[in-house]
């Protein structure tokens, strides 16, 4: 008597095209590297041409597929035209984002507008541009919106950032509902504090670093490597039944 064993869905991404925004450094660069290593053809998008050109060359030097795309996602009209001119992307890592921490009573209008323009407005319309391509081409896909644990909890000094990530969590769920019939999945990835060039200055404050570590139950800051497996999971057939969900990578921050 033989036992038929179920085959594990593949994390491979061979033949798929991926777009990563904010891909020049930090989480975006790690995402691009992970996707390329799994077989995807990766387009690295960012405003800084040199960073994404060098990153693309490093990926190609491994024998994998990558190309740079100089793009300012805050210029929504130009960004959407640029994406529309590309072949459809099967995967979007909607990663470009920023933060300008300040006490609530000190938040400036110009900082509010800047952070919302990138974290909400640009992210919303980047996802729309990729989704339109997929719908028109009648192709399934995976949109991964880079959210945060701060899209699920509050934090002193981060009312502005929290507001943008709660907004992302909301529109991601609506996108998932509307796009499900097209086979397009939409999920958010929600890290805790990750050591990147953007967050490094914050941790030079010993009191802030100590407070953060006291809240991360695993007792350490996150590394970009901690996100790479989750990115592949959400991008691949391994998560084929997952949409409208938030994947927490917060070291236990939001568990209590």
C-alpha atoms as a PDB file:
ATOM      1  CA  UNK A   1       0.000   0.000   0.000  1.00  0.00           C
ATOM      2  CA  UNK A   2       1.431   3.394  -0.992  1.00  0.00           C
ATOM      3  CA  UNK A   3       0.743   6.684   0.750  1.00  0.00           C
ATOM      4  CA  UNK A   4       0.282   9.730  -1.431  1.00  0.00           C
ATOM      5  CA  UNK A   5       1.957  12.686   0.274  1.00  0.00           C
ATOM      6  CA  UNK A   6       0.823  16.238  -0.338  1.00  0.00           C
ATOM      7  CA  UNK A   7       3.405  18.353  -2.085  1.00  0.00           C
ATOM      8  CA  UNK A   8       4.464  21.533  -0.286  1.00  0.00           C
ATOM      9  CA  UNK A   9       3.658  24.669  -2.326  1.00  0.00           C
ATOM     10  CA  UNK A  10       6.762  26.254  -3.766  1.00  0.00           C
ATOM     11  CA  UNK A  11       8.353  29.463  -2.567  1.00  0.00           C
ATOM     12  CA  UNK A  12      10.000  29.795  -5.996  1.00  0.00           C
ATOM     13  CA  UNK A  13       9.122  32.771  -8.185  1.00  0.00           C
ATOM     14  CA  UNK A  14      10.599  31.700 -11.528  1.00  0.00           C
ATOM     15  CA  UNK A  15       9.061  33.527 -14.483  1.00  0.00           C
ATOM     16  CA  UNK A  16       7.413  36.215 -12.360  1.00  0.00           C
ATOM     17  CA  UNK A  17       8.051  39.935 -12.513  1.00  0.00           C
ATOM     18  CA  UNK A  18       8.387  41.916  -9.300  1.00  0.00           C
ATOM     19  CA  UNK A  19       8.441  45.649  -8.604  1.00  0.00           C
ATOM     20  CA  UNK A  20       9.991  46.914  -5.375  1.00  0.00           C
ATOM     21  CA  UNK A  21       9.625  50.583  -4.449  1.00  0.00           C
ATOM     22  CA  UNK A  22      12.147  52.236  -2.169  1.00  0.00           C
ATOM     23  CA  UNK A  23      14.552  49.531  -3.286  1.00  0.00           C
ATOM     24  CA  UNK A  24      17.849  51.357  -2.934  1.00  0.00           C
ATOM     25  CA  UNK A  25      18.583  50.404   0.647  1.00  0.00           C
ATOM     26  CA  UNK A  26      17.271  48.810   3.818  1.00  0.00           C
ATOM     27  CA  UNK A  27      14.104  46.720   3.646  1.00  0.00           C
ATOM     28  CA  UNK A  28      13.512  47.445  -0.037  1.00  0.00           C
ATOM     29  CA  UNK A  29      16.948  46.237  -1.072  1.00  0.00           C
ATOM     30  CA  UNK A  30      16.602  43.103   1.068  1.00  0.00           C
ATOM     31  CA  UNK A  31      13.208  42.414  -0.529  1.00  0.00           C
ATOM     32  CA  UNK A  32      14.639  42.788  -4.028  1.00  0.00           C
ATOM     33  CA  UNK A  33      17.511  40.454  -3.178  1.00  0.00           C
ATOM     34  CA  UNK A  34      15.171  37.823  -1.739  1.00  0.00           C
ATOM     35  CA  UNK A  35      12.818  37.909  -4.720  1.00  0.00           C
ATOM     36  CA  UNK A  36      15.660  37.674  -7.223  1.00  0.00           C
ATOM     37  CA  UNK A  37      17.189  34.789  -5.274  1.00  0.00           C
ATOM     38  CA  UNK A  38      13.852  32.969  -5.605  1.00  0.00           C
ATOM     39  CA  UNK A  39      13.905  33.369  -9.395  1.00  0.00           C
ATOM     40  CA  UNK A  40      11.890  36.532 -10.000  1.00  0.00           C
ATOM     41  CA  UNK A  41      12.845  39.242 -12.469  1.00  0.00           C
ATOM     42  CA  UNK A  42      13.068  42.227 -10.132  1.00  0.00           C
ATOM     43  CA  UNK A  43      12.669  45.905 -10.994  1.00  0.00           C
ATOM     44  CA  UNK A  44      14.216  48.096  -8.306  1.00  0.00           C
ATOM     45  CA  UNK A  45      12.543  51.499  -8.127  1.00  0.00           C
ATOM     46  CA  UNK A  46      13.733  54.568  -6.213  1.00  0.00           C
ATOM     47  CA  UNK A  47      14.512  58.243  -6.696  1.00  0.00           C
ATOM     48  CA  UNK A  48      18.266  57.752  -6.311  1.00  0.00           C
ATOM     49  CA  UNK A  49      19.524  56.244  -9.562  1.00  0.00           C
ATOM     50  CA  UNK A  50      23.007  55.330  -8.358  1.00  0.00           C
ATOM     51  CA  UNK A  51      21.760  53.174  -5.471  1.00  0.00           C
ATOM     52  CA  UNK A  52      19.397  51.066  -7.543  1.00  0.00           C
ATOM     53  CA  UNK A  53      21.860  50.780 -10.446  1.00  0.00           C
ATOM     54  CA  UNK A  54      24.520  49.428  -8.093  1.00  0.00           C
ATOM     55  CA  UNK A  55      22.038  47.123  -6.379  1.00  0.00           C
ATOM     56  CA  UNK A  56      20.771  45.769  -9.694  1.00  0.00           C
ATOM     57  CA  UNK A  57      24.322  45.108 -10.832  1.00  0.00           C
ATOM     58  CA  UNK A  58      25.059  43.225  -7.601  1.00  0.00           C
ATOM     59  CA  UNK A  59      22.004  41.007  -8.162  1.00  0.00           C
ATOM     60  CA  UNK A  60      22.925  40.372 -11.791  1.00  0.00           C
ATOM     61  CA  UNK A  61      26.448  39.462 -10.661  1.00  0.00           C
ATOM     62  CA  UNK A  62      24.854  36.518  -8.847  1.00  0.00           C
ATOM     63  CA  UNK A  63      23.414  35.364 -12.170  1.00  0.00           C
ATOM     64  CA  UNK A  64      19.932  36.666 -11.410  1.00  0.00           C
ATOM     65  CA  UNK A  65      17.587  39.131 -13.101  1.00  0.00           C
ATOM     66  CA  UNK A  66      17.301  42.749 -11.978  1.00  0.00           C
ATOM     67  CA  UNK A  67      16.966  46.186 -13.484  1.00  0.00           C
ATOM     68  CA  UNK A  68      16.781  49.709 -12.052  1.00  0.00           C
ATOM     69  CA  UNK A  69      13.857  52.086 -12.559  1.00  0.00           C
ATOM     70  CA  UNK A  70      14.379  55.675 -11.459  1.00  0.00           C
ATOM     71  CA  UNK A  71      11.011  56.707 -10.080  1.00  0.00           C
ATOM     72  CA  UNK A  72       9.614  59.242  -7.628  1.00  0.00           C
ATOM     73  CA  UNK A  73       6.427  57.599  -6.402  1.00  0.00           C
ATOM     74  CA  UNK A  74       5.236  60.893  -4.890  1.00  0.00           C
ATOM     75  CA  UNK A  75       4.765  62.214  -8.442  1.00  0.00           C
ATOM     76  CA  UNK A  76       1.663  60.085  -8.860  1.00  0.00           C
ATOM     77  CA  UNK A  77       0.872  60.977 -12.463  1.00  0.00           C
ATOM     78  CA  UNK A  78       4.418  60.297 -13.685  1.00  0.00           C
ATOM     79  CA  UNK A  79       4.666  57.172 -11.551  1.00  0.00           C
ATOM     80  CA  UNK A  80       1.462  55.693 -12.934  1.00  0.00           C
ATOM     81  CA  UNK A  81       2.469  56.447 -16.516  1.00  0.00           C
ATOM     82  CA  UNK A  82       5.852  54.791 -15.935  1.00  0.00           C
ATOM     83  CA  UNK A  83       4.297  51.651 -14.454  1.00  0.00           C
ATOM     84  CA  UNK A  84       1.692  51.490 -17.218  1.00  0.00           C
ATOM     85  CA  UNK A  85       4.493  51.483 -19.790  1.00  0.00           C
ATOM     86  CA  UNK A  86       6.048  48.365 -18.222  1.00  0.00           C
ATOM     87  CA  UNK A  87       4.996  44.776 -18.703  1.00  0.00           C
ATOM     88  CA  UNK A  88       2.612  43.727 -15.895  1.00  0.00           C
ATOM     89  CA  UNK A  89       4.180  43.044 -12.511  1.00  0.00           C
ATOM     90  CA  UNK A  90       3.081  39.829 -10.815  1.00  0.00           C
ATOM     91  CA  UNK A  91       4.405  41.045  -7.461  1.00  0.00           C
ATOM     92  CA  UNK A  92       4.525  44.486  -5.859  1.00  0.00           C
ATOM     93  CA  UNK A  93       6.516  45.230  -2.723  1.00  0.00           C
ATOM     94  CA  UNK A  94       4.987  48.614  -1.885  1.00  0.00           C
ATOM     95  CA  UNK A  95       7.842  49.635   0.373  1.00  0.00           C
ATOM     96  CA  UNK A  96       8.673  53.326  -0.134  1.00  0.00           C
ATOM     97  CA  UNK A  97       7.928  55.170   3.084  1.00  0.00           C
ATOM     98  CA  UNK A  98       9.207  57.625   5.654  1.00  0.00           C
ATOM     99  CA  UNK A  99       8.738  58.927   9.187  1.00  0.00           C
ATOM    100  CA  UNK A 100       9.116  62.269  10.942  1.00  0.00           C
ATOM    101  CA  UNK A 101       8.606  61.562  14.645  1.00  0.00           C
ATOM    102  CA  UNK A 102       7.382  64.350  16.914  1.00  0.00           C
ATOM    103  CA  UNK A 103       5.072  64.823  19.904  1.00  0.00           C
ATOM    104  CA  UNK A 104       1.472  65.174  18.727  1.00  0.00           C
ATOM    105  CA  UNK A 105       1.231  68.830  19.782  1.00  0.00           C
ATOM    106  CA  UNK A 106       4.381  69.656  17.780  1.00  0.00           C
ATOM    107  CA  UNK A 107       3.528  67.931  14.463  1.00  0.00           C
ATOM    108  CA  UNK A 108       3.860  70.457  11.631  1.00  0.00           C
ATOM    109  CA  UNK A 109       1.485  70.668   8.699  1.00  0.00           C
ATOM    110  CA  UNK A 110       4.362  70.321   6.242  1.00  0.00           C
ATOM    111  CA  UNK A 111       5.526  67.114   7.956  1.00  0.00           C
ATOM    112  CA  UNK A 112       1.963  65.754   7.942  1.00  0.00           C
ATOM    113  CA  UNK A 113       1.643  66.426   4.226  1.00  0.00           C
ATOM    114  CA  UNK A 114       5.063  64.967   3.412  1.00  0.00           C
ATOM    115  CA  UNK A 115       4.614  61.711   5.337  1.00  0.00           C
ATOM    116  CA  UNK A 116       1.051  61.170   4.082  1.00  0.00           C
ATOM    117  CA  UNK A 117       2.103  61.940   0.506  1.00  0.00           C
ATOM    118  CA  UNK A 118       4.535  59.020   0.573  1.00  0.00           C
ATOM    119  CA  UNK A 119       3.143  56.512   3.066  1.00  0.00           C
ATOM    120  CA  UNK A 120      -0.491  56.779   1.983  1.00  0.00           C
ATOM    121  CA  UNK A 121      -1.040  58.677  -1.269  1.00  0.00           C
ATOM    122  CA  UNK A 122       1.936  57.277  -3.197  1.00  0.00           C
ATOM    123  CA  UNK A 123       1.490  53.749  -1.828  1.00  0.00           C
ATOM    124  CA  UNK A 124      -2.232  53.751  -2.655  1.00  0.00           C
ATOM    125  CA  UNK A 125      -1.736  54.795  -6.258  1.00  0.00           C
ATOM    126  CA  UNK A 126       1.312  52.587  -6.830  1.00  0.00           C
ATOM    127  CA  UNK A 127      -0.823  49.613  -5.851  1.00  0.00           C
ATOM    128  CA  UNK A 128      -3.611  50.867  -8.093  1.00  0.00           C
ATOM    129  CA  UNK A 129      -1.253  51.129 -11.078  1.00  0.00           C
ATOM    130  CA  UNK A 130       0.045  47.579 -10.632  1.00  0.00           C
ATOM    131  CA  UNK A 131      -3.457  46.199 -10.035  1.00  0.00           C
ATOM    132  CA  UNK A 132      -4.815  47.839 -13.195  1.00  0.00           C
ATOM    133  CA  UNK A 133      -2.111  46.132 -15.250  1.00  0.00           C
ATOM    134  CA  UNK A 134      -2.929  42.738 -13.774  1.00  0.00           C
ATOM    135  CA  UNK A 135      -6.693  43.136 -14.188  1.00  0.00           C
ATOM    136  CA  UNK A 136      -6.299  44.234 -17.816  1.00  0.00           C
ATOM    137  CA  UNK A 137      -3.950  41.329 -18.523  1.00  0.00           C
ATOM    138  CA  UNK A 138      -6.222  38.895 -16.634  1.00  0.00           C
ATOM    139  CA  UNK A 139      -3.295  37.778 -14.518  1.00  0.00           C
ATOM    140  CA  UNK A 140      -3.204  36.897 -10.813  1.00  0.00           C
ATOM    141  CA  UNK A 141      -0.720  38.606  -8.559  1.00  0.00           C
ATOM    142  CA  UNK A 142       0.426  39.457  -5.060  1.00  0.00           C
ATOM    143  CA  UNK A 143       0.519  42.997  -3.680  1.00  0.00           C
ATOM    144  CA  UNK A 144       2.445  43.357  -0.445  1.00  0.00           C
ATOM    145  CA  UNK A 145       1.986  46.700   1.278  1.00  0.00           C
ATOM    146  CA  UNK A 146       4.800  47.430   3.713  1.00  0.00           C
ATOM    147  CA  UNK A 147       2.970  48.420   6.859  1.00  0.00           C
ATOM    148  CA  UNK A 148       4.183  48.270  10.461  1.00  0.00           C
ATOM    149  CA  UNK A 149       3.304  47.113  13.930  1.00  0.00           C
ATOM    150  CA  UNK A 150       2.360  50.789  14.282  1.00  0.00           C
ATOM    151  CA  UNK A 151      -0.595  50.074  12.008  1.00  0.00           C
ATOM    152  CA  UNK A 152      -2.033  48.051  14.902  1.00  0.00           C
ATOM    153  CA  UNK A 153      -0.981  49.923  18.044  1.00  0.00           C
ATOM    154  CA  UNK A 154      -0.163  53.458  19.097  1.00  0.00           C
ATOM    155  CA  UNK A 155       3.182  54.902  20.147  1.00  0.00           C
ATOM    156  CA  UNK A 156       4.100  58.177  21.800  1.00  0.00           C
ATOM    157  CA  UNK A 157       5.776  60.563  19.381  1.00  0.00           C
ATOM    158  CA  UNK A 158       4.532  58.627  16.370  1.00  0.00           C
ATOM    159  CA  UNK A 159       0.951  59.772  15.909  1.00  0.00           C
ATOM    160  CA  UNK A 160       1.690  60.793  12.322  1.00  0.00           C
ATOM    161  CA  UNK A 161       3.407  57.540  11.346  1.00  0.00           C
ATOM    162  CA  UNK A 162       0.712  55.479  13.090  1.00  0.00           C
ATOM    163  CA  UNK A 163      -1.986  57.401  11.232  1.00  0.00           C
ATOM    164  CA  UNK A 164      -0.425  56.527   7.867  1.00  0.00           C
ATOM    165  CA  UNK A 165       0.011  52.852   8.673  1.00  0.00           C
ATOM    166  CA  UNK A 166      -3.509  52.489  10.069  1.00  0.00           C
ATOM    167  CA  UNK A 167      -4.662  54.047   6.797  1.00  0.00           C
ATOM    168  CA  UNK A 168      -2.628  51.505   4.834  1.00  0.00           C
ATOM    169  CA  UNK A 169      -4.145  48.646   6.818  1.00  0.00           C
ATOM    170  CA  UNK A 170      -7.597  49.965   5.913  1.00  0.00           C
ATOM    171  CA  UNK A 171      -7.106  50.417   2.194  1.00  0.00           C
ATOM    172  CA  UNK A 172      -5.253  47.107   1.943  1.00  0.00           C
ATOM    173  CA  UNK A 173      -8.273  45.215   3.229  1.00  0.00           C
ATOM    174  CA  UNK A 174     -10.565  47.011   0.798  1.00  0.00           C
ATOM    175  CA  UNK A 175      -8.163  46.294  -2.060  1.00  0.00           C
ATOM    176  CA  UNK A 176      -8.138  42.628  -1.086  1.00  0.00           C
ATOM    177  CA  UNK A 177     -11.924  42.456  -1.221  1.00  0.00           C
ATOM    178  CA  UNK A 178     -12.186  44.188  -4.596  1.00  0.00           C
ATOM    179  CA  UNK A 179      -9.321  42.343  -6.277  1.00  0.00           C
ATOM    180  CA  UNK A 180      -9.978  38.823  -4.994  1.00  0.00           C
ATOM    181  CA  UNK A 181     -12.228  37.956  -7.934  1.00  0.00           C
ATOM    182  CA  UNK A 182      -9.287  38.737 -10.232  1.00  0.00           C
ATOM    183  CA  UNK A 183      -6.959  36.381  -8.371  1.00  0.00           C
ATOM    184  CA  UNK A 184      -4.944  39.300  -7.005  1.00  0.00           C
ATOM    185  CA  UNK A 185      -4.018  38.917  -3.348  1.00  0.00           C
ATOM    186  CA  UNK A 186      -3.300  41.904  -1.089  1.00  0.00           C
ATOM    187  CA  UNK A 187      -1.616  41.604   2.300  1.00  0.00           C
ATOM    188  CA  UNK A 188       0.392  43.800   4.632  1.00  0.00           C
ATOM    189  CA  UNK A 189       3.733  43.050   6.242  1.00  0.00           C
ATOM    190  CA  UNK A 190       4.050  44.570   9.710  1.00  0.00           C
ATOM    191  CA  UNK A 191       7.570  44.694  11.153  1.00  0.00           C
ATOM    192  CA  UNK A 192       8.729  46.036  14.464  1.00  0.00           C
ATOM    193  CA  UNK A 193      11.724  48.383  14.528  1.00  0.00           C
ATOM    194  CA  UNK A 194      14.230  47.138  11.957  1.00  0.00           C
ATOM    195  CA  UNK A 195      17.838  48.294  11.913  1.00  0.00           C
ATOM    196  CA  UNK A 196      18.119  50.273   8.665  1.00  0.00           C
ATOM    197  CA  UNK A 197      19.766  53.527   7.552  1.00  0.00           C
ATOM    198  CA  UNK A 198      16.432  55.293   8.221  1.00  0.00           C
ATOM    199  CA  UNK A 199      16.053  54.031  11.803  1.00  0.00           C
ATOM    200  CA  UNK A 200      19.717  54.143  12.847  1.00  0.00           C
ATOM    201  CA  UNK A 201      19.618  57.768  14.120  1.00  0.00           C
ATOM    202  CA  UNK A 202      16.705  56.958  16.437  1.00  0.00           C
ATOM    203  CA  UNK A 203      18.679  54.261  18.233  1.00  0.00           C
ATOM    204  CA  UNK A 204      21.549  56.599  19.038  1.00  0.00           C
ATOM    205  CA  UNK A 205      19.290  57.787  21.873  1.00  0.00           C
ATOM    206  CA  UNK A 206      19.962  55.246  24.710  1.00  0.00           C
ATOM    207  CA  UNK A 207      16.610  55.909  26.400  1.00  0.00           C
ATOM    208  CA  UNK A 208      14.685  55.294  23.169  1.00  0.00           C
ATOM    209  CA  UNK A 209      16.657  52.149  22.386  1.00  0.00           C
ATOM    210  CA  UNK A 210      16.057  50.799  25.887  1.00  0.00           C
ATOM    211  CA  UNK A 211      12.324  51.510  25.689  1.00  0.00           C
ATOM    212  CA  UNK A 212      12.005  49.786  22.314  1.00  0.00           C
ATOM    213  CA  UNK A 213      13.893  46.701  23.456  1.00  0.00           C
ATOM    214  CA  UNK A 214      11.707  46.467  26.560  1.00  0.00           C
ATOM    215  CA  UNK A 215       8.642  46.171  24.322  1.00  0.00           C
ATOM    216  CA  UNK A 216      10.042  43.606  21.870  1.00  0.00           C
ATOM    217  CA  UNK A 217       9.486  40.345  23.723  1.00  0.00           C
ATOM    218  CA  UNK A 218      12.263  38.537  21.849  1.00  0.00           C
ATOM    219  CA  UNK A 219      14.674  41.115  23.239  1.00  0.00           C
ATOM    220  CA  UNK A 220      16.320  42.415  20.083  1.00  0.00           C
ATOM    221  CA  UNK A 221      15.796  44.791  17.206  1.00  0.00           C
ATOM    222  CA  UNK A 222      14.763  43.332  13.885  1.00  0.00           C
ATOM    223  CA  UNK A 223      17.144  42.841  10.970  1.00  0.00           C
ATOM    224  CA  UNK A 224      16.221  43.031   7.306  1.00  0.00           C
ATOM    225  CA  UNK A 225      16.968  39.311   7.082  1.00  0.00           C
ATOM    226  CA  UNK A 226      14.044  38.718   9.445  1.00  0.00           C
ATOM    227  CA  UNK A 227      11.666  39.967   6.746  1.00  0.00           C
ATOM    228  CA  UNK A 228      12.997  38.129   3.715  1.00  0.00           C
ATOM    229  CA  UNK A 229      11.318  34.777   4.344  1.00  0.00           C
ATOM    230  CA  UNK A 230       7.986  36.471   5.041  1.00  0.00           C
ATOM    231  CA  UNK A 231       8.270  38.446   1.803  1.00  0.00           C
ATOM    232  CA  UNK A 232       8.831  35.251  -0.174  1.00  0.00           C
ATOM    233  CA  UNK A 233       5.893  33.602   1.605  1.00  0.00           C
ATOM    234  CA  UNK A 234       3.504  36.421   0.702  1.00  0.00           C
ATOM    235  CA  UNK A 235       4.820  36.711  -2.859  1.00  0.00           C
ATOM    236  CA  UNK A 236       4.676  33.013  -3.644  1.00  0.00           C
ATOM    237  CA  UNK A 237       2.131  30.216  -3.981  1.00  0.00           C
ATOM    238  CA  UNK A 238       2.944  29.237  -0.389  1.00  0.00           C
ATOM    239  CA  UNK A 239       0.389  31.879   0.698  1.00  0.00           C
ATOM    240  CA  UNK A 240      -2.153  31.193  -2.061  1.00  0.00           C
ATOM    241  CA  UNK A 241      -5.160  31.326   0.296  1.00  0.00           C
ATOM    242  CA  UNK A 242      -4.027  34.467   2.139  1.00  0.00           C
ATOM    243  CA  UNK A 243      -5.472  37.862   1.304  1.00  0.00           C
ATOM    244  CA  UNK A 244      -6.676  40.827   3.334  1.00  0.00           C
ATOM    245  CA  UNK A 245      -4.378  39.812   6.168  1.00  0.00           C
ATOM    246  CA  UNK A 246      -1.599  41.438   8.159  1.00  0.00           C
ATOM    247  CA  UNK A 247       1.529  39.383   8.786  1.00  0.00           C
ATOM    248  CA  UNK A 248       3.099  40.496  12.072  1.00  0.00           C
ATOM    249  CA  UNK A 249       6.886  40.395  12.441  1.00  0.00           C
ATOM    250  CA  UNK A 250       7.084  42.346  15.649  1.00  0.00           C
ATOM    251  CA  UNK A 251       8.989  40.153  18.070  1.00  0.00           C
ATOM    252  CA  UNK A 252       5.871  39.950  20.238  1.00  0.00           C
ATOM    253  CA  UNK A 253       5.355  43.741  20.605  1.00  0.00           C
ATOM    254  CA  UNK A 254       1.603  43.597  19.886  1.00  0.00           C
ATOM    255  CA  UNK A 255       0.927  40.326  21.728  1.00  0.00           C
ATOM    256  CA  UNK A 256       0.007  42.056  24.991  1.00  0.00           C
END
